Amino acid sequence: MTAPRPARPVTQDDYDEVRQLHALGLGRNDIARQLDRSGNVVSRLAAEMGLSFARAGEVAVATEVRRQDLAARRMLLAEHLTTDAERLREQLWQPTVVFAFGGKDNDYNEQPVNEPPPSEKRALLSAAGIAIDRSLKLEPGRDDSGADAARSMVGQLMAGLAEVYREQQSEQPAAEGAGDAP
């Protein structure tokens, strides 16, 4: 085990270098390595000079950029999966070749057909369904047309009810006055 080296006194040059390197945008640990000082010493010197290594704003921006990049990649992958599902579905109705190995000599036989047999159609539909399901998980469909229509209908209903209420309020004093006449 090595003995800790004695602490080196902090000089004005240390303060000056911390200020200069901080102005260049170096982080605390980079400055500490360049000055051969501990991170704690660099933090203390920076604090004494009113300098901060807080980069919350930069980290938040970088995090948001990364989130947007990943969202774009997910959208692209969802698009590819949808294209795959479309291609698989098209194969359901395309001519194809069915083949088999068999007989005592294990011969290869093939037969062109107008469309895949039911078992192959089931496999194609299953694969297409999986691709569609995955694409929707990556980029859910957005169909707000029903919600917009419902909001519009509720808004019209509320406007109608407000109009009826106003009419009732305007008729009410006239009806009360008519009952008081001899």
N, C-alpha and C. Protein backbone atom coordinates (compact mmCIF):
# COMPACT_ATOMS: atom_id res chain seq x y z
N MET A 1 0.83 -1.17 0.00
CA MET A 1 0.00 0.00 0.00
C MET A 1 0.88 1.24 0.00
N THR A 2 0.57 2.18 -0.87
CA THR A 2 1.38 3.39 -0.95
C THR A 2 0.84 4.43 0.01
N ALA A 3 1.74 5.18 0.57
CA ALA A 3 1.35 6.24 1.51
C ALA A 3 0.83 7.42 0.69
N PRO A 4 -0.20 8.10 1.20
CA PRO A 4 -0.70 9.27 0.47
C PRO A 4 0.37 10.34 0.40
N ARG A 5 0.44 11.01 -0.73
CA ARG A 5 1.44 12.07 -0.87
C ARG A 5 0.97 13.30 -0.10
N PRO A 6 1.89 14.08 0.37
CA PRO A 6 1.51 15.27 1.15
C PRO A 6 0.77 16.27 0.25
N ALA A 7 -0.18 16.98 0.83
CA ALA A 7 -0.96 17.97 0.10
C ALA A 7 -0.08 19.10 -0.38
N ARG A 8 -0.26 19.47 -1.63
CA ARG A 8 0.49 20.57 -2.22
C ARG A 8 -0.29 21.85 -1.98
N PRO A 9 0.36 22.90 -1.54
CA PRO A 9 -0.38 24.14 -1.30
C PRO A 9 -0.94 24.70 -2.61
N VAL A 10 -2.10 25.33 -2.49
CA VAL A 10 -2.77 25.94 -3.64
C VAL A 10 -2.12 27.29 -3.90
N THR A 11 -1.80 27.52 -5.17
CA THR A 11 -1.14 28.77 -5.54
C THR A 11 -2.08 29.62 -6.39
N GLN A 12 -1.67 30.85 -6.63
CA GLN A 12 -2.44 31.73 -7.51
C GLN A 12 -2.49 31.16 -8.92
N ASP A 13 -1.41 30.48 -9.33
CA ASP A 13 -1.39 29.84 -10.64
C ASP A 13 -2.51 28.81 -10.75
N ASP A 14 -2.77 28.07 -9.65
CA ASP A 14 -3.87 27.09 -9.66
C ASP A 14 -5.20 27.79 -9.90
N TYR A 15 -5.42 28.89 -9.20
CA TYR A 15 -6.66 29.66 -9.40
C TYR A 15 -6.77 30.12 -10.86
N ASP A 16 -5.66 30.67 -11.37
CA ASP A 16 -5.66 31.19 -12.74
C ASP A 16 -5.94 30.08 -13.76
N GLU A 17 -5.31 28.92 -13.56
CA GLU A 17 -5.51 27.81 -14.50
C GLU A 17 -6.94 27.27 -14.43
N VAL A 18 -7.48 27.18 -13.21
CA VAL A 18 -8.87 26.72 -13.07
C VAL A 18 -9.79 27.67 -13.81
N ARG A 19 -9.58 28.98 -13.63
CA ARG A 19 -10.42 29.98 -14.30
C ARG A 19 -10.30 29.85 -15.82
N GLN A 20 -9.07 29.73 -16.30
CA GLN A 20 -8.81 29.66 -17.74
C GLN A 20 -9.41 28.38 -18.34
N LEU A 21 -9.18 27.24 -17.72
CA LEU A 21 -9.68 25.97 -18.25
C LEU A 21 -11.21 25.90 -18.16
N HIS A 22 -11.77 26.48 -17.11
CA HIS A 22 -13.23 26.53 -16.97
C HIS A 22 -13.81 27.36 -18.11
N ALA A 23 -13.16 28.48 -18.43
CA ALA A 23 -13.63 29.34 -19.53
C ALA A 23 -13.58 28.61 -20.87
N LEU A 24 -12.67 27.65 -21.00
CA LEU A 24 -12.57 26.87 -22.23
C LEU A 24 -13.64 25.77 -22.30
N GLY A 25 -14.40 25.63 -21.21
CA GLY A 25 -15.49 24.65 -21.20
C GLY A 25 -15.12 23.29 -20.66
N LEU A 26 -13.94 23.16 -20.08
CA LEU A 26 -13.55 21.88 -19.51
C LEU A 26 -14.34 21.61 -18.24
N GLY A 27 -14.61 20.36 -17.99
CA GLY A 27 -15.30 19.95 -16.78
C GLY A 27 -14.35 19.84 -15.60
N ARG A 28 -14.94 19.65 -14.45
CA ARG A 28 -14.15 19.58 -13.21
C ARG A 28 -13.10 18.49 -13.27
N ASN A 29 -13.48 17.30 -13.70
CA ASN A 29 -12.53 16.18 -13.70
C ASN A 29 -11.42 16.38 -14.71
N ASP A 30 -11.72 16.98 -15.86
CA ASP A 30 -10.68 17.27 -16.85
C ASP A 30 -9.68 18.28 -16.29
N ILE A 31 -10.18 19.30 -15.64
CA ILE A 31 -9.31 20.31 -15.03
C ILE A 31 -8.45 19.67 -13.94
N ALA A 32 -9.07 18.83 -13.14
CA ALA A 32 -8.33 18.17 -12.05
C ALA A 32 -7.19 17.33 -12.62
N ARG A 33 -7.44 16.62 -13.72
CA ARG A 33 -6.37 15.81 -14.32
C ARG A 33 -5.25 16.69 -14.85
N GLN A 34 -5.61 17.79 -15.50
CA GLN A 34 -4.58 18.66 -16.07
C GLN A 34 -3.73 19.33 -14.99
N LEU A 35 -4.36 19.65 -13.86
CA LEU A 35 -3.61 20.31 -12.78
C LEU A 35 -2.99 19.33 -11.79
N ASP A 36 -3.28 18.05 -11.99
CA ASP A 36 -2.84 17.02 -11.05
C ASP A 36 -3.34 17.33 -9.64
N ARG A 37 -4.61 17.68 -9.58
CA ARG A 37 -5.30 17.98 -8.31
C ARG A 37 -6.52 17.09 -8.20
N SER A 38 -7.06 17.02 -7.00
CA SER A 38 -8.28 16.25 -6.81
C SER A 38 -9.48 17.05 -7.32
N GLY A 39 -10.53 16.35 -7.61
CA GLY A 39 -11.76 17.02 -8.03
C GLY A 39 -12.30 17.93 -6.95
N ASN A 40 -12.14 17.53 -5.69
CA ASN A 40 -12.61 18.36 -4.58
C ASN A 40 -11.87 19.69 -4.52
N VAL A 41 -10.57 19.66 -4.77
CA VAL A 41 -9.79 20.91 -4.74
C VAL A 41 -10.26 21.82 -5.86
N VAL A 42 -10.44 21.27 -7.06
CA VAL A 42 -10.89 22.07 -8.20
C VAL A 42 -12.28 22.65 -7.91
N SER A 43 -13.18 21.84 -7.34
CA SER A 43 -14.52 22.33 -7.00
C SER A 43 -14.45 23.47 -5.99
N ARG A 44 -13.58 23.33 -4.99
CA ARG A 44 -13.46 24.36 -3.96
C ARG A 44 -12.92 25.65 -4.57
N LEU A 45 -11.90 25.55 -5.42
CA LEU A 45 -11.33 26.74 -6.06
C LEU A 45 -12.38 27.41 -6.95
N ALA A 46 -13.12 26.61 -7.71
CA ALA A 46 -14.14 27.17 -8.60
C ALA A 46 -15.22 27.87 -7.78
N ALA A 47 -15.65 27.26 -6.68
CA ALA A 47 -16.68 27.87 -5.84
C ALA A 47 -16.19 29.19 -5.26
N GLU A 48 -14.94 29.24 -4.84
CA GLU A 48 -14.38 30.48 -4.30
C GLU A 48 -14.37 31.60 -5.34
N MET A 49 -14.24 31.21 -6.62
CA MET A 49 -14.20 32.21 -7.69
C MET A 49 -15.58 32.44 -8.30
N GLY A 50 -16.60 31.76 -7.75
CA GLY A 50 -17.96 31.93 -8.26
C GLY A 50 -18.20 31.20 -9.57
N LEU A 51 -17.39 30.21 -9.87
CA LEU A 51 -17.57 29.41 -11.09
C LEU A 51 -18.39 28.17 -10.77
N SER A 52 -19.11 27.69 -11.74
CA SER A 52 -19.95 26.52 -11.52
C SER A 52 -19.71 25.51 -12.63
N PHE A 53 -19.79 24.26 -12.26
CA PHE A 53 -19.69 23.18 -13.24
C PHE A 53 -21.08 22.59 -13.53
N ALA A 54 -22.10 23.25 -13.04
CA ALA A 54 -23.47 22.76 -13.27
C ALA A 54 -23.76 22.81 -14.77
N ARG A 55 -24.19 21.69 -15.30
CA ARG A 55 -24.50 21.61 -16.72
C ARG A 55 -25.89 21.04 -16.92
N ALA A 56 -26.76 21.32 -15.99
CA ALA A 56 -28.11 20.75 -16.06
C ALA A 56 -28.79 21.13 -17.37
N GLY A 57 -28.62 22.37 -17.79
CA GLY A 57 -29.24 22.82 -19.04
C GLY A 57 -28.70 22.05 -20.23
N GLU A 58 -27.38 21.88 -20.27
CA GLU A 58 -26.76 21.14 -21.37
C GLU A 58 -27.20 19.68 -21.35
N VAL A 59 -27.25 19.10 -20.17
CA VAL A 59 -27.66 17.70 -20.05
C VAL A 59 -29.11 17.55 -20.49
N ALA A 60 -29.96 18.50 -20.09
CA ALA A 60 -31.37 18.42 -20.48
C ALA A 60 -31.52 18.52 -21.99
N VAL A 61 -30.76 19.42 -22.61
CA VAL A 61 -30.83 19.56 -24.07
C VAL A 61 -30.33 18.28 -24.74
N ALA A 62 -29.21 17.76 -24.26
CA ALA A 62 -28.67 16.53 -24.85
C ALA A 62 -29.63 15.36 -24.67
N THR A 63 -30.27 15.29 -23.52
CA THR A 63 -31.24 14.23 -23.27
C THR A 63 -32.44 14.35 -24.20
N GLU A 64 -32.91 15.57 -24.41
CA GLU A 64 -34.05 15.80 -25.31
C GLU A 64 -33.69 15.46 -26.75
N VAL A 65 -32.48 15.83 -27.17
CA VAL A 65 -32.03 15.51 -28.52
C VAL A 65 -31.97 13.99 -28.69
N ARG A 66 -31.43 13.31 -27.70
CA ARG A 66 -31.34 11.84 -27.76
C ARG A 66 -32.74 11.23 -27.80
N ARG A 67 -33.68 11.76 -27.01
CA ARG A 67 -35.04 11.25 -27.00
C ARG A 67 -35.69 11.42 -28.37
N GLN A 68 -35.47 12.57 -28.99
CA GLN A 68 -36.04 12.82 -30.31
C GLN A 68 -35.40 11.92 -31.36
N ASP A 69 -34.09 11.69 -31.26
CA ASP A 69 -33.42 10.78 -32.19
C ASP A 69 -33.99 9.37 -32.08
N LEU A 70 -34.19 8.91 -30.85
CA LEU A 70 -34.75 7.57 -30.65
C LEU A 70 -36.19 7.50 -31.15
N ALA A 71 -36.96 8.56 -30.95
CA ALA A 71 -38.34 8.58 -31.45
C ALA A 71 -38.35 8.50 -32.98
N ALA A 72 -37.43 9.20 -33.62
CA ALA A 72 -37.35 9.15 -35.08
C ALA A 72 -36.95 7.75 -35.56
N ARG A 73 -36.03 7.12 -34.84
CA ARG A 73 -35.62 5.76 -35.20
C ARG A 73 -36.76 4.77 -35.00
N ARG A 74 -37.52 4.94 -33.90
CA ARG A 74 -38.68 4.06 -33.67
C ARG A 74 -39.71 4.23 -34.78
N MET A 75 -39.93 5.49 -35.19
CA MET A 75 -40.90 5.74 -36.25
C MET A 75 -40.44 5.09 -37.55
N LEU A 76 -39.16 5.18 -37.86
CA LEU A 76 -38.63 4.57 -39.07
C LEU A 76 -38.76 3.05 -39.00
N LEU A 77 -38.45 2.47 -37.85
CA LEU A 77 -38.58 1.03 -37.68
C LEU A 77 -40.04 0.60 -37.82
N ALA A 78 -40.95 1.37 -37.24
CA ALA A 78 -42.38 1.08 -37.37
C ALA A 78 -42.80 1.13 -38.83
N GLU A 79 -42.25 2.08 -39.57
CA GLU A 79 -42.56 2.20 -41.00
C GLU A 79 -42.06 0.96 -41.75
N HIS A 80 -40.84 0.52 -41.43
CA HIS A 80 -40.30 -0.68 -42.08
C HIS A 80 -41.14 -1.92 -41.75
N LEU A 81 -41.55 -2.04 -40.50
CA LEU A 81 -42.37 -3.19 -40.11
C LEU A 81 -43.71 -3.17 -40.83
N THR A 82 -44.28 -2.00 -41.02
CA THR A 82 -45.54 -1.89 -41.75
C THR A 82 -45.34 -2.29 -43.20
N THR A 83 -44.24 -1.86 -43.79
CA THR A 83 -43.92 -2.27 -45.17
C THR A 83 -43.74 -3.78 -45.25
N ASP A 84 -43.06 -4.36 -44.26
CA ASP A 84 -42.89 -5.82 -44.23
C ASP A 84 -44.25 -6.51 -44.17
N ALA A 85 -45.13 -6.01 -43.33
CA ALA A 85 -46.47 -6.61 -43.20
C ALA A 85 -47.22 -6.53 -44.53
N GLU A 86 -47.09 -5.40 -45.22
CA GLU A 86 -47.76 -5.26 -46.52
C GLU A 86 -47.21 -6.27 -47.52
N ARG A 87 -45.90 -6.45 -47.55
CA ARG A 87 -45.28 -7.41 -48.47
C ARG A 87 -45.72 -8.84 -48.15
N LEU A 88 -45.78 -9.16 -46.86
CA LEU A 88 -46.23 -10.50 -46.47
C LEU A 88 -47.67 -10.73 -46.89
N ARG A 89 -48.51 -9.71 -46.71
CA ARG A 89 -49.91 -9.84 -47.07
C ARG A 89 -50.08 -10.03 -48.57
N GLU A 90 -49.28 -9.33 -49.37
CA GLU A 90 -49.36 -9.47 -50.82
C GLU A 90 -49.05 -10.89 -51.26
N GLN A 91 -48.18 -11.56 -50.52
CA GLN A 91 -47.81 -12.94 -50.88
C GLN A 91 -48.98 -13.90 -50.74
N LEU A 92 -50.01 -13.53 -49.99
CA LEU A 92 -51.16 -14.41 -49.81
C LEU A 92 -51.84 -14.76 -51.13
N TRP A 93 -51.76 -13.86 -52.09
CA TRP A 93 -52.53 -14.03 -53.33
C TRP A 93 -51.64 -14.14 -54.57
N GLN A 94 -50.34 -14.34 -54.34
CA GLN A 94 -49.40 -14.43 -55.46
C GLN A 94 -49.12 -15.90 -55.79
N PRO A 95 -48.87 -16.18 -57.07
CA PRO A 95 -48.46 -17.54 -57.43
C PRO A 95 -47.17 -17.90 -56.69
N THR A 96 -47.05 -19.17 -56.38
CA THR A 96 -45.87 -19.63 -55.66
C THR A 96 -45.56 -21.06 -56.05
N VAL A 97 -44.52 -21.60 -55.50
CA VAL A 97 -44.13 -22.97 -55.76
C VAL A 97 -44.16 -23.72 -54.43
N VAL A 98 -44.88 -24.84 -54.41
CA VAL A 98 -44.85 -25.69 -53.22
C VAL A 98 -43.91 -26.85 -53.54
N PHE A 99 -43.21 -27.31 -52.51
CA PHE A 99 -42.23 -28.36 -52.76
C PHE A 99 -42.27 -29.35 -51.60
N ALA A 100 -41.70 -30.49 -51.85
CA ALA A 100 -41.63 -31.53 -50.83
C ALA A 100 -40.50 -32.49 -51.17
N PHE A 101 -39.96 -33.10 -50.13
CA PHE A 101 -39.01 -34.19 -50.29
C PHE A 101 -39.74 -35.46 -49.90
N GLY A 102 -39.58 -36.50 -50.66
CA GLY A 102 -40.28 -37.71 -50.27
C GLY A 102 -39.92 -38.89 -51.15
N GLY A 103 -40.62 -39.97 -50.89
CA GLY A 103 -40.38 -41.22 -51.61
C GLY A 103 -39.20 -41.96 -51.04
N LYS A 104 -39.00 -43.17 -51.57
CA LYS A 104 -37.92 -44.00 -51.03
C LYS A 104 -36.55 -43.42 -51.29
N ASP A 105 -36.44 -42.61 -52.34
CA ASP A 105 -35.15 -41.99 -52.66
C ASP A 105 -35.06 -40.56 -52.15
N ASN A 106 -36.07 -40.13 -51.37
CA ASN A 106 -36.13 -38.78 -50.83
C ASN A 106 -35.97 -37.74 -51.94
N ASP A 107 -36.78 -37.89 -52.96
CA ASP A 107 -36.75 -37.00 -54.13
C ASP A 107 -37.34 -35.64 -53.80
N TYR A 108 -36.83 -34.66 -54.50
CA TYR A 108 -37.36 -33.29 -54.39
C TYR A 108 -38.41 -33.11 -55.47
N ASN A 109 -39.60 -32.66 -55.08
CA ASN A 109 -40.68 -32.41 -56.03
C ASN A 109 -41.23 -31.01 -55.78
N GLU A 110 -41.53 -30.31 -56.86
CA GLU A 110 -42.14 -28.99 -56.72
C GLU A 110 -43.31 -28.87 -57.66
N GLN A 111 -44.23 -27.99 -57.26
CA GLN A 111 -45.44 -27.80 -58.04
C GLN A 111 -45.81 -26.32 -58.00
N PRO A 112 -45.89 -25.64 -59.16
CA PRO A 112 -46.37 -24.26 -59.15
C PRO A 112 -47.87 -24.23 -58.86
N VAL A 113 -48.30 -23.25 -58.01
CA VAL A 113 -49.72 -23.09 -57.68
C VAL A 113 -50.10 -21.63 -57.81
N ASN A 114 -51.40 -21.36 -57.96
CA ASN A 114 -51.88 -19.99 -58.14
C ASN A 114 -51.72 -19.14 -56.90
N GLU A 115 -51.80 -19.76 -55.73
CA GLU A 115 -51.61 -19.05 -54.47
C GLU A 115 -51.16 -20.05 -53.42
N PRO A 116 -50.57 -19.57 -52.34
CA PRO A 116 -50.05 -20.49 -51.32
C PRO A 116 -51.17 -21.35 -50.71
N PRO A 117 -50.82 -22.55 -50.26
CA PRO A 117 -51.82 -23.38 -49.58
C PRO A 117 -52.22 -22.75 -48.24
N PRO A 118 -53.35 -23.20 -47.67
CA PRO A 118 -53.86 -22.58 -46.42
C PRO A 118 -52.84 -22.54 -45.28
N SER A 119 -52.04 -23.55 -45.12
CA SER A 119 -51.06 -23.54 -44.03
C SER A 119 -50.03 -22.43 -44.22
N GLU A 120 -49.63 -22.20 -45.45
CA GLU A 120 -48.68 -21.12 -45.73
C GLU A 120 -49.34 -19.75 -45.59
N LYS A 121 -50.62 -19.66 -45.98
CA LYS A 121 -51.34 -18.40 -45.78
C LYS A 121 -51.43 -18.06 -44.30
N ARG A 122 -51.69 -19.08 -43.49
CA ARG A 122 -51.77 -18.86 -42.04
C ARG A 122 -50.43 -18.36 -41.51
N ALA A 123 -49.33 -18.94 -41.98
CA ALA A 123 -48.00 -18.51 -41.54
C ALA A 123 -47.72 -17.08 -42.01
N LEU A 124 -48.10 -16.74 -43.24
CA LEU A 124 -47.91 -15.38 -43.75
C LEU A 124 -48.73 -14.38 -42.95
N LEU A 125 -50.00 -14.72 -42.67
CA LEU A 125 -50.85 -13.82 -41.88
C LEU A 125 -50.32 -13.65 -40.47
N SER A 126 -49.80 -14.71 -39.90
CA SER A 126 -49.23 -14.63 -38.55
C SER A 126 -48.02 -13.70 -38.55
N ALA A 127 -47.14 -13.87 -39.52
CA ALA A 127 -45.96 -13.02 -39.60
C ALA A 127 -46.35 -11.56 -39.85
N ALA A 128 -47.33 -11.34 -40.72
CA ALA A 128 -47.80 -9.97 -41.00
C ALA A 128 -48.41 -9.37 -39.74
N GLY A 129 -49.20 -10.17 -39.01
CA GLY A 129 -49.82 -9.69 -37.77
C GLY A 129 -48.78 -9.30 -36.73
N ILE A 130 -47.73 -10.09 -36.61
CA ILE A 130 -46.67 -9.77 -35.66
C ILE A 130 -45.99 -8.46 -36.06
N ALA A 131 -45.71 -8.29 -37.37
CA ALA A 131 -45.07 -7.05 -37.84
C ALA A 131 -45.96 -5.85 -37.57
N ILE A 132 -47.26 -5.99 -37.82
CA ILE A 132 -48.19 -4.88 -37.57
C ILE A 132 -48.25 -4.56 -36.07
N ASP A 133 -48.35 -5.60 -35.25
CA ASP A 133 -48.42 -5.41 -33.80
C ASP A 133 -47.18 -4.67 -33.29
N ARG A 134 -46.01 -5.09 -33.76
CA ARG A 134 -44.77 -4.44 -33.32
C ARG A 134 -44.70 -3.00 -33.80
N SER A 135 -45.16 -2.76 -35.03
CA SER A 135 -45.11 -1.39 -35.54
C SER A 135 -46.03 -0.48 -34.74
N LEU A 136 -47.19 -1.01 -34.34
CA LEU A 136 -48.12 -0.19 -33.55
C LEU A 136 -47.60 0.05 -32.14
N LYS A 137 -46.82 -0.87 -31.61
CA LYS A 137 -46.23 -0.65 -30.30
C LYS A 137 -45.15 0.42 -30.37
N LEU A 138 -44.43 0.45 -31.49
CA LEU A 138 -43.38 1.46 -31.65
C LEU A 138 -43.96 2.84 -31.96
N GLU A 139 -45.02 2.86 -32.76
CA GLU A 139 -45.62 4.14 -33.17
C GLU A 139 -47.13 3.94 -33.24
N PRO A 140 -47.84 4.13 -32.11
CA PRO A 140 -49.29 3.90 -32.09
C PRO A 140 -50.00 4.80 -33.09
N GLY A 141 -51.05 4.25 -33.69
CA GLY A 141 -51.86 5.04 -34.61
C GLY A 141 -52.60 6.13 -33.87
N ARG A 142 -52.83 7.22 -34.55
CA ARG A 142 -53.53 8.35 -33.92
C ARG A 142 -54.77 8.64 -34.73
N ASP A 143 -55.92 8.30 -34.16
CA ASP A 143 -57.19 8.58 -34.83
C ASP A 143 -58.04 9.38 -33.87
N ASP A 144 -57.91 10.69 -33.96
CA ASP A 144 -58.67 11.57 -33.07
C ASP A 144 -59.98 12.02 -33.70
N SER A 145 -60.31 11.52 -34.89
CA SER A 145 -61.51 12.01 -35.57
C SER A 145 -62.75 11.76 -34.73
N GLY A 146 -62.86 10.62 -34.07
CA GLY A 146 -64.01 10.35 -33.21
C GLY A 146 -64.03 11.26 -32.00
N ALA A 147 -62.87 11.50 -31.43
CA ALA A 147 -62.79 12.37 -30.26
C ALA A 147 -63.16 13.81 -30.64
N ASP A 148 -62.69 14.26 -31.79
CA ASP A 148 -63.03 15.62 -32.23
C ASP A 148 -64.53 15.75 -32.47
N ALA A 149 -65.12 14.73 -33.09
CA ALA A 149 -66.55 14.78 -33.35
C ALA A 149 -67.34 14.80 -32.04
N ALA A 150 -66.90 14.00 -31.07
CA ALA A 150 -67.58 13.96 -29.77
C ALA A 150 -67.47 15.32 -29.07
N ARG A 151 -66.26 15.91 -29.11
CA ARG A 151 -66.09 17.22 -28.50
C ARG A 151 -66.97 18.26 -29.18
N SER A 152 -67.06 18.18 -30.50
CA SER A 152 -67.90 19.12 -31.25
C SER A 152 -69.37 18.94 -30.86
N MET A 153 -69.82 17.69 -30.75
CA MET A 153 -71.20 17.42 -30.38
C MET A 153 -71.50 17.93 -28.97
N VAL A 154 -70.58 17.67 -28.04
CA VAL A 154 -70.78 18.13 -26.66
C VAL A 154 -70.79 19.65 -26.63
N GLY A 155 -69.91 20.28 -27.40
CA GLY A 155 -69.88 21.73 -27.46
C GLY A 155 -71.19 22.30 -27.98
N GLN A 156 -71.74 21.69 -29.02
CA GLN A 156 -73.02 22.15 -29.57
C GLN A 156 -74.14 21.95 -28.57
N LEU A 157 -74.11 20.82 -27.88
CA LEU A 157 -75.13 20.54 -26.86
C LEU A 157 -75.07 21.59 -25.75
N MET A 158 -73.85 21.90 -25.29
CA MET A 158 -73.70 22.90 -24.23
C MET A 158 -74.17 24.27 -24.70
N ALA A 159 -73.87 24.62 -25.95
CA ALA A 159 -74.32 25.92 -26.49
C ALA A 159 -75.85 25.96 -26.54
N GLY A 160 -76.47 24.85 -26.96
CA GLY A 160 -77.93 24.78 -27.01
C GLY A 160 -78.54 24.91 -25.62
N LEU A 161 -77.98 24.21 -24.65
CA LEU A 161 -78.48 24.29 -23.28
C LEU A 161 -78.33 25.71 -22.71
N ALA A 162 -77.24 26.36 -23.03
CA ALA A 162 -77.03 27.73 -22.56
C ALA A 162 -78.07 28.66 -23.17
N GLU A 163 -78.41 28.45 -24.44
CA GLU A 163 -79.42 29.28 -25.11
C GLU A 163 -80.79 29.06 -24.47
N VAL A 164 -81.14 27.81 -24.19
CA VAL A 164 -82.42 27.52 -23.54
C VAL A 164 -82.46 28.18 -22.16
N TYR A 165 -81.37 28.10 -21.42
CA TYR A 165 -81.31 28.72 -20.10
C TYR A 165 -81.52 30.23 -20.19
N ARG A 166 -80.84 30.86 -21.15
CA ARG A 166 -81.00 32.31 -21.33
C ARG A 166 -82.45 32.66 -21.67
N GLU A 167 -83.08 31.87 -22.53
CA GLU A 167 -84.48 32.13 -22.90
C GLU A 167 -85.38 32.00 -21.68
N GLN A 168 -85.14 30.99 -20.86
CA GLN A 168 -85.96 30.80 -19.66
C GLN A 168 -85.77 31.96 -18.69
N GLN A 169 -84.55 32.44 -18.58
CA GLN A 169 -84.29 33.56 -17.68
C GLN A 169 -84.98 34.83 -18.16
N SER A 170 -85.02 35.04 -19.48
CA SER A 170 -85.65 36.26 -20.00
C SER A 170 -87.17 36.17 -19.92
N GLU A 171 -87.76 34.98 -19.96
CA GLU A 171 -89.21 34.82 -19.88
C GLU A 171 -89.70 34.83 -18.44
N GLN A 172 -88.89 34.49 -17.50
CA GLN A 172 -89.32 34.32 -16.12
C GLN A 172 -89.89 35.61 -15.52
N PRO A 173 -89.29 36.78 -15.63
CA PRO A 173 -89.88 37.99 -15.04
C PRO A 173 -91.23 38.32 -15.66
N ALA A 174 -91.42 38.12 -16.96
CA ALA A 174 -92.69 38.40 -17.62
C ALA A 174 -93.80 37.50 -17.08
N ALA A 175 -93.49 36.25 -16.83
CA ALA A 175 -94.50 35.31 -16.32
C ALA A 175 -94.87 35.67 -14.90
N GLU A 176 -93.93 36.10 -14.05
CA GLU A 176 -94.23 36.46 -12.67
C GLU A 176 -95.11 37.73 -12.63
N GLY A 177 -94.84 38.70 -13.53
CA GLY A 177 -95.62 39.94 -13.57
C GLY A 177 -97.05 39.68 -14.04
N ALA A 178 -97.24 38.68 -14.93
CA ALA A 178 -98.59 38.38 -15.46
C ALA A 178 -99.46 37.79 -14.37
N GLY A 179 -98.92 37.10 -13.42
CA GLY A 179 -99.73 36.51 -12.35
C GLY A 179 -100.19 37.52 -11.33
N ASP A 180 -99.55 38.68 -11.21
CA ASP A 180 -99.87 39.69 -10.23
C ASP A 180 -101.00 40.62 -10.69
N ALA A 181 -101.35 40.60 -11.98
CA ALA A 181 -102.38 41.55 -12.49
C ALA A 181 -103.76 41.12 -12.05
N PRO A 182 -104.71 42.10 -11.76
CA PRO A 182 -106.06 41.74 -11.33
C PRO A 182 -106.91 41.20 -12.41
